[in-house]
Amino acid sequence: MVEAGTMTMDQRTRTPLSVSGTMPLTMVSRDEKRIVCAVRGKEDTRRFLANLGFAEEAEVKIISELGGNLIVAVKGARVAISRAMASRILVR
């Protein structure tokens, strides 16, 4: 791991492990709007989430939680993702 300002990076995947002032999407309360600041994980995971609309600076809002999955509003669409996937999305 390497410190880069307020961001801790994983050298192997070159993705953020944590960013000061952020939290995983799983920690956000329902109906609370947040901004995506980073997506963690392997390249395939980051690409998958980006294709769903979870890109840096995208506004997201938790609509509901059903059976461990989250329904999230992102870029005008409602998307269902698992808690595991949601934990990879860092928001501020």
PDB file of N, CA and C in Angstrom:
ATOM      1  N   MET A   1       0.831  -1.183   0.000  1.00  0.00           N
ATOM      2  CA  MET A   1       0.000   0.000   0.000  1.00  0.00           C
ATOM      3  C   MET A   1       0.875   1.246   0.000  1.00  0.00           C
ATOM      4  N   VAL A   2       0.385   2.270  -0.667  1.00  0.00           N
ATOM      5  CA  VAL A   2       1.107   3.534  -0.772  1.00  0.00           C
ATOM      6  C   VAL A   2       0.153   4.650  -0.399  1.00  0.00           C
ATOM      7  N   GLU A   3       0.615   5.573   0.419  1.00  0.00           N
ATOM      8  CA  GLU A   3      -0.197   6.737   0.762  1.00  0.00           C
ATOM      9  C   GLU A   3      -0.084   7.764  -0.363  1.00  0.00           C
ATOM     10  N   ALA A   4      -1.195   8.234  -0.847  1.00  0.00           N
ATOM     11  CA  ALA A   4      -1.216   9.260  -1.892  1.00  0.00           C
ATOM     12  C   ALA A   4      -2.129  10.384  -1.412  1.00  0.00           C
ATOM     13  N   GLY A   5      -1.590  11.305  -0.643  1.00  0.00           N
ATOM     14  CA  GLY A   5      -2.433  12.358  -0.072  1.00  0.00           C
ATOM     15  C   GLY A   5      -3.350  11.756   0.970  1.00  0.00           C
ATOM     16  N   THR A   6      -4.653  11.813   0.720  1.00  0.00           N
ATOM     17  CA  THR A   6      -5.615  11.241   1.659  1.00  0.00           C
ATOM     18  C   THR A   6      -6.166   9.907   1.159  1.00  0.00           C
ATOM     19  N   MET A   7      -5.515   9.335   0.150  1.00  0.00           N
ATOM     20  CA  MET A   7      -6.004   8.098  -0.439  1.00  0.00           C
ATOM     21  C   MET A   7      -4.976   6.987  -0.248  1.00  0.00           C
ATOM     22  N   THR A   8      -5.418   5.826   0.202  1.00  0.00           N
ATOM     23  CA  THR A   8      -4.553   4.667   0.314  1.00  0.00           C
ATOM     24  C   THR A   8      -4.810   3.777  -0.889  1.00  0.00           C
ATOM     25  N   MET A   9      -3.753   3.505  -1.667  1.00  0.00           N
ATOM     26  CA  MET A   9      -3.902   2.743  -2.911  1.00  0.00           C
ATOM     27  C   MET A   9      -3.378   1.323  -2.755  1.00  0.00           C
ATOM     28  N   ASP A  10      -4.025   0.392  -3.447  1.00  0.00           N
ATOM     29  CA  ASP A  10      -3.552  -0.980  -3.559  1.00  0.00           C
ATOM     30  C   ASP A  10      -2.608  -1.008  -4.755  1.00  0.00           C
ATOM     31  N   GLN A  11      -1.337  -1.316  -4.529  1.00  0.00           N
ATOM     32  CA  GLN A  11      -0.349  -1.272  -5.602  1.00  0.00           C
ATOM     33  C   GLN A  11      -0.622  -2.316  -6.685  1.00  0.00           C
ATOM     34  N   ARG A  12      -1.150  -3.474  -6.314  1.00  0.00           N
ATOM     35  CA  ARG A  12      -1.379  -4.543  -7.284  1.00  0.00           C
ATOM     36  C   ARG A  12      -2.464  -4.160  -8.289  1.00  0.00           C
ATOM     37  N   THR A  13      -3.609  -3.687  -7.793  1.00  0.00           N
ATOM     38  CA  THR A  13      -4.723  -3.370  -8.686  1.00  0.00           C
ATOM     39  C   THR A  13      -4.828  -1.889  -9.013  1.00  0.00           C
ATOM     40  N   ARG A  14      -4.013  -1.056  -8.331  1.00  0.00           N
ATOM     41  CA  ARG A  14      -4.029   0.387  -8.524  1.00  0.00           C
ATOM     42  C   ARG A  14      -5.420   0.984  -8.309  1.00  0.00           C
ATOM     43  N   THR A  15      -6.118   0.470  -7.296  1.00  0.00           N
ATOM     44  CA  THR A  15      -7.426   0.995  -6.936  1.00  0.00           C
ATOM     45  C   THR A  15      -7.384   1.493  -5.503  1.00  0.00           C
ATOM     46  N   PRO A  16      -8.253   2.433  -5.167  1.00  0.00           N
ATOM     47  CA  PRO A  16      -8.249   2.953  -3.800  1.00  0.00           C
ATOM     48  C   PRO A  16      -8.752   1.927  -2.800  1.00  0.00           C
ATOM     49  N   LEU A  17      -8.037   1.809  -1.671  1.00  0.00           N
ATOM     50  CA  LEU A  17      -8.509   0.988  -0.567  1.00  0.00           C
ATOM     51  C   LEU A  17      -9.409   1.825   0.327  1.00  0.00           C
ATOM     52  N   SER A  18      -9.060   3.067   0.517  1.00  0.00           N
ATOM     53  CA  SER A  18      -9.890   3.990   1.280  1.00  0.00           C
ATOM     54  C   SER A  18      -9.540   5.421   0.906  1.00  0.00           C
ATOM     55  N   VAL A  19     -10.493   6.291   1.103  1.00  0.00           N
ATOM     56  CA  VAL A  19     -10.300   7.708   0.840  1.00  0.00           C
ATOM     57  C   VAL A  19     -10.880   8.443   2.039  1.00  0.00           C
ATOM     58  N   SER A  20     -10.135   9.402   2.581  1.00  0.00           N
ATOM     59  CA  SER A  20     -10.607  10.147   3.750  1.00  0.00           C
ATOM     60  C   SER A  20     -11.959  10.788   3.464  1.00  0.00           C
ATOM     61  N   GLY A  21     -12.868  10.700   4.437  1.00  0.00           N
ATOM     62  CA  GLY A  21     -14.174  11.319   4.300  1.00  0.00           C
ATOM     63  C   GLY A  21     -15.152  10.518   3.459  1.00  0.00           C
ATOM     64  N   THR A  22     -14.832   9.278   3.177  1.00  0.00           N
ATOM     65  CA  THR A  22     -15.728   8.455   2.369  1.00  0.00           C
ATOM     66  C   THR A  22     -16.214   7.254   3.167  1.00  0.00           C
ATOM     67  N   MET A  23     -17.197   6.573   2.596  1.00  0.00           N
ATOM     68  CA  MET A  23     -17.712   5.346   3.187  1.00  0.00           C
ATOM     69  C   MET A  23     -18.228   4.452   2.077  1.00  0.00           C
ATOM     70  N   PRO A  24     -18.313   3.148   2.347  1.00  0.00           N
ATOM     71  CA  PRO A  24     -18.897   2.269   1.338  1.00  0.00           C
ATOM     72  C   PRO A  24     -20.388   2.588   1.162  1.00  0.00           C
ATOM     73  N   LEU A  25     -20.911   2.333   0.002  1.00  0.00           N
ATOM     74  CA  LEU A  25     -22.319   2.583  -0.284  1.00  0.00           C
ATOM     75  C   LEU A  25     -23.226   1.818   0.686  1.00  0.00           C
ATOM     76  N   THR A  26     -22.775   0.697   1.196  1.00  0.00           N
ATOM     77  CA  THR A  26     -23.579  -0.102   2.129  1.00  0.00           C
ATOM     78  C   THR A  26     -23.853   0.635   3.439  1.00  0.00           C
ATOM     79  N   MET A  27     -23.093   1.673   3.750  1.00  0.00           N
ATOM     80  CA  MET A  27     -23.264   2.421   5.000  1.00  0.00           C
ATOM     81  C   MET A  27     -24.234   3.595   4.866  1.00  0.00           C
ATOM     82  N   VAL A  28     -24.698   3.870   3.663  1.00  0.00           N
ATOM     83  CA  VAL A  28     -25.574   5.013   3.409  1.00  0.00           C
ATOM     84  C   VAL A  28     -27.009   4.659   3.790  1.00  0.00           C
ATOM     85  N   SER A  29     -27.692   5.605   4.419  1.00  0.00           N
ATOM     86  CA  SER A  29     -29.094   5.425   4.786  1.00  0.00           C
ATOM     87  C   SER A  29     -29.993   5.549   3.561  1.00  0.00           C
ATOM     88  N   ARG A  30     -31.168   4.951   3.657  1.00  0.00           N
ATOM     89  CA  ARG A  30     -32.128   5.020   2.560  1.00  0.00           C
ATOM     90  C   ARG A  30     -32.525   6.474   2.295  1.00  0.00           C
ATOM     91  N   ASP A  31     -32.718   6.833   1.046  1.00  0.00           N
ATOM     92  CA  ASP A  31     -33.110   8.166   0.573  1.00  0.00           C
ATOM     93  C   ASP A  31     -32.046   9.244   0.767  1.00  0.00           C
ATOM     94  N   GLU A  32     -30.840   8.860   1.134  1.00  0.00           N
ATOM     95  CA  GLU A  32     -29.743   9.818   1.310  1.00  0.00           C
ATOM     96  C   GLU A  32     -28.935   9.878   0.011  1.00  0.00           C
ATOM     97  N   LYS A  33     -28.787  11.081  -0.556  1.00  0.00           N
ATOM     98  CA  LYS A  33     -28.017  11.237  -1.795  1.00  0.00           C
ATOM     99  C   LYS A  33     -26.543  11.356  -1.464  1.00  0.00           C
ATOM    100  N   ARG A  34     -25.723  10.678  -2.250  1.00  0.00           N
ATOM    101  CA  ARG A  34     -24.266  10.715  -2.101  1.00  0.00           C
ATOM    102  C   ARG A  34     -23.627  10.786  -3.475  1.00  0.00           C
ATOM    103  N   ILE A  35     -22.324  11.086  -3.508  1.00  0.00           N
ATOM    104  CA  ILE A  35     -21.548  11.170  -4.746  1.00  0.00           C
ATOM    105  C   ILE A  35     -20.502  10.063  -4.740  1.00  0.00           C
ATOM    106  N   VAL A  36     -20.409   9.329  -5.847  1.00  0.00           N
ATOM    107  CA  VAL A  36     -19.394   8.280  -5.979  1.00  0.00           C
ATOM    108  C   VAL A  36     -18.031   8.941  -6.114  1.00  0.00           C
ATOM    109  N   CYS A  37     -17.070   8.505  -5.296  1.00  0.00           N
ATOM    110  CA  CYS A  37     -15.729   9.077  -5.420  1.00  0.00           C
ATOM    111  C   CYS A  37     -14.711   8.031  -5.867  1.00  0.00           C
ATOM    112  N   ALA A  38     -15.023   6.739  -5.710  1.00  0.00           N
ATOM    113  CA  ALA A  38     -14.108   5.687  -6.170  1.00  0.00           C
ATOM    114  C   ALA A  38     -14.839   4.354  -6.194  1.00  0.00           C
ATOM    115  N   VAL A  39     -14.327   3.454  -7.014  1.00  0.00           N
ATOM    116  CA  VAL A  39     -14.835   2.084  -7.055  1.00  0.00           C
ATOM    117  C   VAL A  39     -13.643   1.163  -6.869  1.00  0.00           C
ATOM    118  N   ARG A  40     -13.737   0.271  -5.880  1.00  0.00           N
ATOM    119  CA  ARG A  40     -12.646  -0.657  -5.586  1.00  0.00           C
ATOM    120  C   ARG A  40     -12.904  -1.996  -6.271  1.00  0.00           C
ATOM    121  N   GLY A  41     -11.848  -2.766  -6.438  1.00  0.00           N
ATOM    122  CA  GLY A  41     -11.987  -4.111  -6.984  1.00  0.00           C
ATOM    123  C   GLY A  41     -11.133  -4.340  -8.205  1.00  0.00           C
ATOM    124  N   LYS A  42     -11.265  -5.528  -8.750  1.00  0.00           N
ATOM    125  CA  LYS A  42     -10.530  -5.888  -9.955  1.00  0.00           C
ATOM    126  C   LYS A  42     -11.082  -5.111 -11.140  1.00  0.00           C
ATOM    127  N   GLU A  43     -10.324  -5.083 -12.204  1.00  0.00           N
ATOM    128  CA  GLU A  43     -10.701  -4.338 -13.410  1.00  0.00           C
ATOM    129  C   GLU A  43     -12.088  -4.741 -13.911  1.00  0.00           C
ATOM    130  N   ASP A  44     -12.390  -6.037 -13.946  1.00  0.00           N
ATOM    131  CA  ASP A  44     -13.702  -6.506 -14.421  1.00  0.00           C
ATOM    132  C   ASP A  44     -14.829  -5.967 -13.558  1.00  0.00           C
ATOM    133  N   THR A  45     -14.627  -5.954 -12.250  1.00  0.00           N
ATOM    134  CA  THR A  45     -15.640  -5.454 -11.324  1.00  0.00           C
ATOM    135  C   THR A  45     -15.850  -3.955 -11.519  1.00  0.00           C
ATOM    136  N   ARG A  46     -14.766  -3.207 -11.626  1.00  0.00           N
ATOM    137  CA  ARG A  46     -14.873  -1.758 -11.833  1.00  0.00           C
ATOM    138  C   ARG A  46     -15.564  -1.442 -13.159  1.00  0.00           C
ATOM    139  N   ARG A  47     -15.252  -2.185 -14.200  1.00  0.00           N
ATOM    140  CA  ARG A  47     -15.874  -1.975 -15.514  1.00  0.00           C
ATOM    141  C   ARG A  47     -17.369  -2.296 -15.457  1.00  0.00           C
ATOM    142  N   PHE A  48     -17.723  -3.407 -14.779  1.00  0.00           N
ATOM    143  CA  PHE A  48     -19.123  -3.796 -14.632  1.00  0.00           C
ATOM    144  C   PHE A  48     -19.919  -2.694 -13.938  1.00  0.00           C
ATOM    145  N   LEU A  49     -19.387  -2.194 -12.822  1.00  0.00           N
ATOM    146  CA  LEU A  49     -20.084  -1.142 -12.078  1.00  0.00           C
ATOM    147  C   LEU A  49     -20.135   0.166 -12.861  1.00  0.00           C
ATOM    148  N   ALA A  50     -19.084   0.479 -13.599  1.00  0.00           N
ATOM    149  CA  ALA A  50     -19.086   1.689 -14.437  1.00  0.00           C
ATOM    150  C   ALA A  50     -20.168   1.583 -15.517  1.00  0.00           C
ATOM    151  N   ASN A  51     -20.336   0.402 -16.097  1.00  0.00           N
ATOM    152  CA  ASN A  51     -21.365   0.204 -17.119  1.00  0.00           C
ATOM    153  C   ASN A  51     -22.773   0.363 -16.551  1.00  0.00           C
ATOM    154  N   LEU A  52     -22.936   0.106 -15.243  1.00  0.00           N
ATOM    155  CA  LEU A  52     -24.230   0.311 -14.594  1.00  0.00           C
ATOM    156  C   LEU A  52     -24.459   1.780 -14.231  1.00  0.00           C
ATOM    157  N   GLY A  53     -23.408   2.601 -14.322  1.00  0.00           N
ATOM    158  CA  GLY A  53     -23.540   4.024 -14.023  1.00  0.00           C
ATOM    159  C   GLY A  53     -22.769   4.489 -12.808  1.00  0.00           C
ATOM    160  N   PHE A  54     -22.089   3.573 -12.125  1.00  0.00           N
ATOM    161  CA  PHE A  54     -21.349   3.929 -10.915  1.00  0.00           C
ATOM    162  C   PHE A  54     -19.953   4.442 -11.272  1.00  0.00           C
ATOM    163  N   ALA A  55     -19.919   5.644 -11.851  1.00  0.00           N
ATOM    164  CA  ALA A  55     -18.663   6.292 -12.229  1.00  0.00           C
ATOM    165  C   ALA A  55     -18.384   7.404 -11.226  1.00  0.00           C
ATOM    166  N   GLU A  56     -17.128   7.832 -11.151  1.00  0.00           N
ATOM    167  CA  GLU A  56     -16.775   8.932 -10.252  1.00  0.00           C
ATOM    168  C   GLU A  56     -17.639  10.152 -10.539  1.00  0.00           C
ATOM    169  N   GLU A  57     -18.081  10.801  -9.475  1.00  0.00           N
ATOM    170  CA  GLU A  57     -18.912  12.004  -9.497  1.00  0.00           C
ATOM    171  C   GLU A  57     -20.380  11.732  -9.825  1.00  0.00           C
ATOM    172  N   ALA A  58     -20.777  10.468  -9.994  1.00  0.00           N
ATOM    173  CA  ALA A  58     -22.191  10.148 -10.220  1.00  0.00           C
ATOM    174  C   ALA A  58     -22.949  10.263  -8.900  1.00  0.00           C
ATOM    175  N   GLU A  59     -24.148  10.828  -8.956  1.00  0.00           N
ATOM    176  CA  GLU A  59     -24.989  10.916  -7.758  1.00  0.00           C
ATOM    177  C   GLU A  59     -25.749   9.603  -7.595  1.00  0.00           C
ATOM    178  N   VAL A  60     -25.766   9.072  -6.378  1.00  0.00           N
ATOM    179  CA  VAL A  60     -26.459   7.818  -6.095  1.00  0.00           C
ATOM    180  C   VAL A  60     -27.369   7.989  -4.887  1.00  0.00           C
ATOM    181  N   LYS A  61     -28.430   7.184  -4.838  1.00  0.00           N
ATOM    182  CA  LYS A  61     -29.350   7.207  -3.707  1.00  0.00           C
ATOM    183  C   LYS A  61     -29.887   5.799  -3.499  1.00  0.00           C
ATOM    184  N   ILE A  62     -29.849   5.322  -2.252  1.00  0.00           N
ATOM    185  CA  ILE A  62     -30.412   4.016  -1.923  1.00  0.00           C
ATOM    186  C   ILE A  62     -31.933   4.152  -1.916  1.00  0.00           C
ATOM    187  N   ILE A  63     -32.601   3.357  -2.729  1.00  0.00           N
ATOM    188  CA  ILE A  63     -34.059   3.364  -2.796  1.00  0.00           C
ATOM    189  C   ILE A  63     -34.629   2.389  -1.764  1.00  0.00           C
ATOM    190  N   SER A  64     -34.096   1.164  -1.747  1.00  0.00           N
ATOM    191  CA  SER A  64     -34.554   0.168  -0.784  1.00  0.00           C
ATOM    192  C   SER A  64     -33.549  -0.972  -0.694  1.00  0.00           C
ATOM    193  N   GLU A  65     -33.800  -1.850   0.270  1.00  0.00           N
ATOM    194  CA  GLU A  65     -32.970  -3.039   0.456  1.00  0.00           C
ATOM    195  C   GLU A  65     -33.903  -4.241   0.492  1.00  0.00           C
ATOM    196  N   LEU A  66     -33.637  -5.205  -0.371  1.00  0.00           N
ATOM    197  CA  LEU A  66     -34.476  -6.391  -0.464  1.00  0.00           C
ATOM    198  C   LEU A  66     -33.612  -7.640  -0.415  1.00  0.00           C
ATOM    199  N   GLY A  67     -33.762  -8.443   0.606  1.00  0.00           N
ATOM    200  CA  GLY A  67     -33.047  -9.716   0.697  1.00  0.00           C
ATOM    201  C   GLY A  67     -31.535  -9.576   0.607  1.00  0.00           C
ATOM    202  N   GLY A  68     -30.991  -8.529   1.168  1.00  0.00           N
ATOM    203  CA  GLY A  68     -29.543  -8.341   1.119  1.00  0.00           C
ATOM    204  C   GLY A  68     -29.054  -7.612  -0.114  1.00  0.00           C
ATOM    205  N   ASN A  69     -29.936  -7.379  -1.070  1.00  0.00           N
ATOM    206  CA  ASN A  69     -29.585  -6.607  -2.263  1.00  0.00           C
ATOM    207  C   ASN A  69     -30.056  -5.178  -2.094  1.00  0.00           C
ATOM    208  N   LEU A  70     -29.382  -4.261  -2.750  1.00  0.00           N
ATOM    209  CA  LEU A  70     -29.757  -2.853  -2.684  1.00  0.00           C
ATOM    210  C   LEU A  70     -30.343  -2.400  -4.013  1.00  0.00           C
ATOM    211  N   ILE A  71     -31.407  -1.621  -3.944  1.00  0.00           N
ATOM    212  CA  ILE A  71     -31.945  -0.958  -5.127  1.00  0.00           C
ATOM    213  C   ILE A  71     -31.423   0.475  -5.045  1.00  0.00           C
ATOM    214  N   VAL A  72     -30.652   0.860  -6.058  1.00  0.00           N
ATOM    215  CA  VAL A  72     -29.960   2.149  -6.044  1.00  0.00           C
ATOM    216  C   VAL A  72     -30.360   2.963  -7.263  1.00  0.00           C
ATOM    217  N   ALA A  73     -30.660   4.239  -7.043  1.00  0.00           N
ATOM    218  CA  ALA A  73     -30.906   5.155  -8.157  1.00  0.00           C
ATOM    219  C   ALA A  73     -29.567   5.756  -8.559  1.00  0.00           C
ATOM    220  N   VAL A  74     -29.233   5.603  -9.834  1.00  0.00           N
ATOM    221  CA  VAL A  74     -27.989   6.153 -10.361  1.00  0.00           C
ATOM    222  C   VAL A  74     -28.216   6.559 -11.815  1.00  0.00           C
ATOM    223  N   LYS A  75     -27.886   7.790 -12.146  1.00  0.00           N
ATOM    224  CA  LYS A  75     -28.012   8.320 -13.506  1.00  0.00           C
ATOM    225  C   LYS A  75     -29.394   8.080 -14.111  1.00  0.00           C
ATOM    226  N   GLY A  76     -30.444   8.341 -13.322  1.00  0.00           N
ATOM    227  CA  GLY A  76     -31.809   8.242 -13.825  1.00  0.00           C
ATOM    228  C   GLY A  76     -32.370   6.833 -13.921  1.00  0.00           C
ATOM    229  N   ALA A  77     -31.645   5.844 -13.456  1.00  0.00           N
ATOM    230  CA  ALA A  77     -32.117   4.457 -13.508  1.00  0.00           C
ATOM    231  C   ALA A  77     -32.091   3.847 -12.112  1.00  0.00           C
ATOM    232  N   ARG A  78     -32.886   2.807 -11.920  1.00  0.00           N
ATOM    233  CA  ARG A  78     -32.842   2.043 -10.676  1.00  0.00           C
ATOM    234  C   ARG A  78     -32.120   0.737 -10.969  1.00  0.00           C
ATOM    235  N   VAL A  79     -31.115   0.444 -10.149  1.00  0.00           N
ATOM    236  CA  VAL A  79     -30.260  -0.722 -10.374  1.00  0.00           C
ATOM    237  C   VAL A  79     -30.233  -1.549  -9.102  1.00  0.00           C
ATOM    238  N   ALA A  80     -30.350  -2.868  -9.242  1.00  0.00           N
ATOM    239  CA  ALA A  80     -30.226  -3.773  -8.096  1.00  0.00           C
ATOM    240  C   ALA A  80     -28.805  -4.339  -8.083  1.00  0.00           C
ATOM    241  N   ILE A  81     -28.131  -4.194  -6.937  1.00  0.00           N
ATOM    242  CA  ILE A  81     -26.793  -4.765  -6.788  1.00  0.00           C
ATOM    243  C   ILE A  81     -26.699  -5.454  -5.431  1.00  0.00           C
ATOM    244  N   SER A  82     -25.811  -6.426  -5.347  1.00  0.00           N
ATOM    245  CA  SER A  82     -25.609  -7.146  -4.087  1.00  0.00           C
ATOM    246  C   SER A  82     -24.882  -6.248  -3.090  1.00  0.00           C
ATOM    247  N   ARG A  83     -24.969  -6.607  -1.811  1.00  0.00           N
ATOM    248  CA  ARG A  83     -24.233  -5.865  -0.782  1.00  0.00           C
ATOM    249  C   ARG A  83     -22.733  -5.948  -1.047  1.00  0.00           C
ATOM    250  N   ALA A  84     -22.269  -7.103  -1.552  1.00  0.00           N
ATOM    251  CA  ALA A  84     -20.839  -7.265  -1.844  1.00  0.00           C
ATOM    252  C   ALA A  84     -20.391  -6.253  -2.899  1.00  0.00           C
ATOM    253  N   MET A  85     -21.189  -6.089  -3.955  1.00  0.00           N
ATOM    254  CA  MET A  85     -20.848  -5.099  -4.990  1.00  0.00           C
ATOM    255  C   MET A  85     -20.946  -3.683  -4.429  1.00  0.00           C
ATOM    256  N   ALA A  86     -21.988  -3.416  -3.644  1.00  0.00           N
ATOM    257  CA  ALA A  86     -22.182  -2.072  -3.074  1.00  0.00           C
ATOM    258  C   ALA A  86     -21.043  -1.697  -2.144  1.00  0.00           C
ATOM    259  N   SER A  87     -20.452  -2.674  -1.483  1.00  0.00           N
ATOM    260  CA  SER A  87     -19.342  -2.375  -0.557  1.00  0.00           C
ATOM    261  C   SER A  87     -18.087  -1.930  -1.300  1.00  0.00           C
ATOM    262  N   ARG A  88     -18.015  -2.169  -2.599  1.00  0.00           N
ATOM    263  CA  ARG A  88     -16.863  -1.761  -3.404  1.00  0.00           C
ATOM    264  C   ARG A  88     -16.973  -0.316  -3.884  1.00  0.00           C
ATOM    265  N   ILE A  89     -18.155   0.292  -3.722  1.00  0.00           N
ATOM    266  CA  ILE A  89     -18.394   1.650  -4.186  1.00  0.00           C
ATOM    267  C   ILE A  89     -18.208   2.609  -3.009  1.00  0.00           C
ATOM    268  N   LEU A  90     -17.230   3.506  -3.129  1.00  0.00           N
ATOM    269  CA  LEU A  90     -16.980   4.492  -2.078  1.00  0.00           C
ATOM    270  C   LEU A  90     -17.679   5.794  -2.427  1.00  0.00           C
ATOM    271  N   VAL A  91     -18.402   6.350  -1.449  1.00  0.00           N
ATOM    272  CA  VAL A  91     -19.155   7.581  -1.669  1.00  0.00           C
ATOM    273  C   VAL A  91     -18.769   8.628  -0.627  1.00  0.00           C
ATOM    274  N   ARG A  92     -19.069   9.879  -0.944  1.00  0.00           N
ATOM    275  CA  ARG A  92     -18.839  10.975   0.029  1.00  0.00           C
ATOM    276  C   ARG A  92     -20.122  11.736   0.229  1.00  0.00           C
TER     277      ARG A  92
END
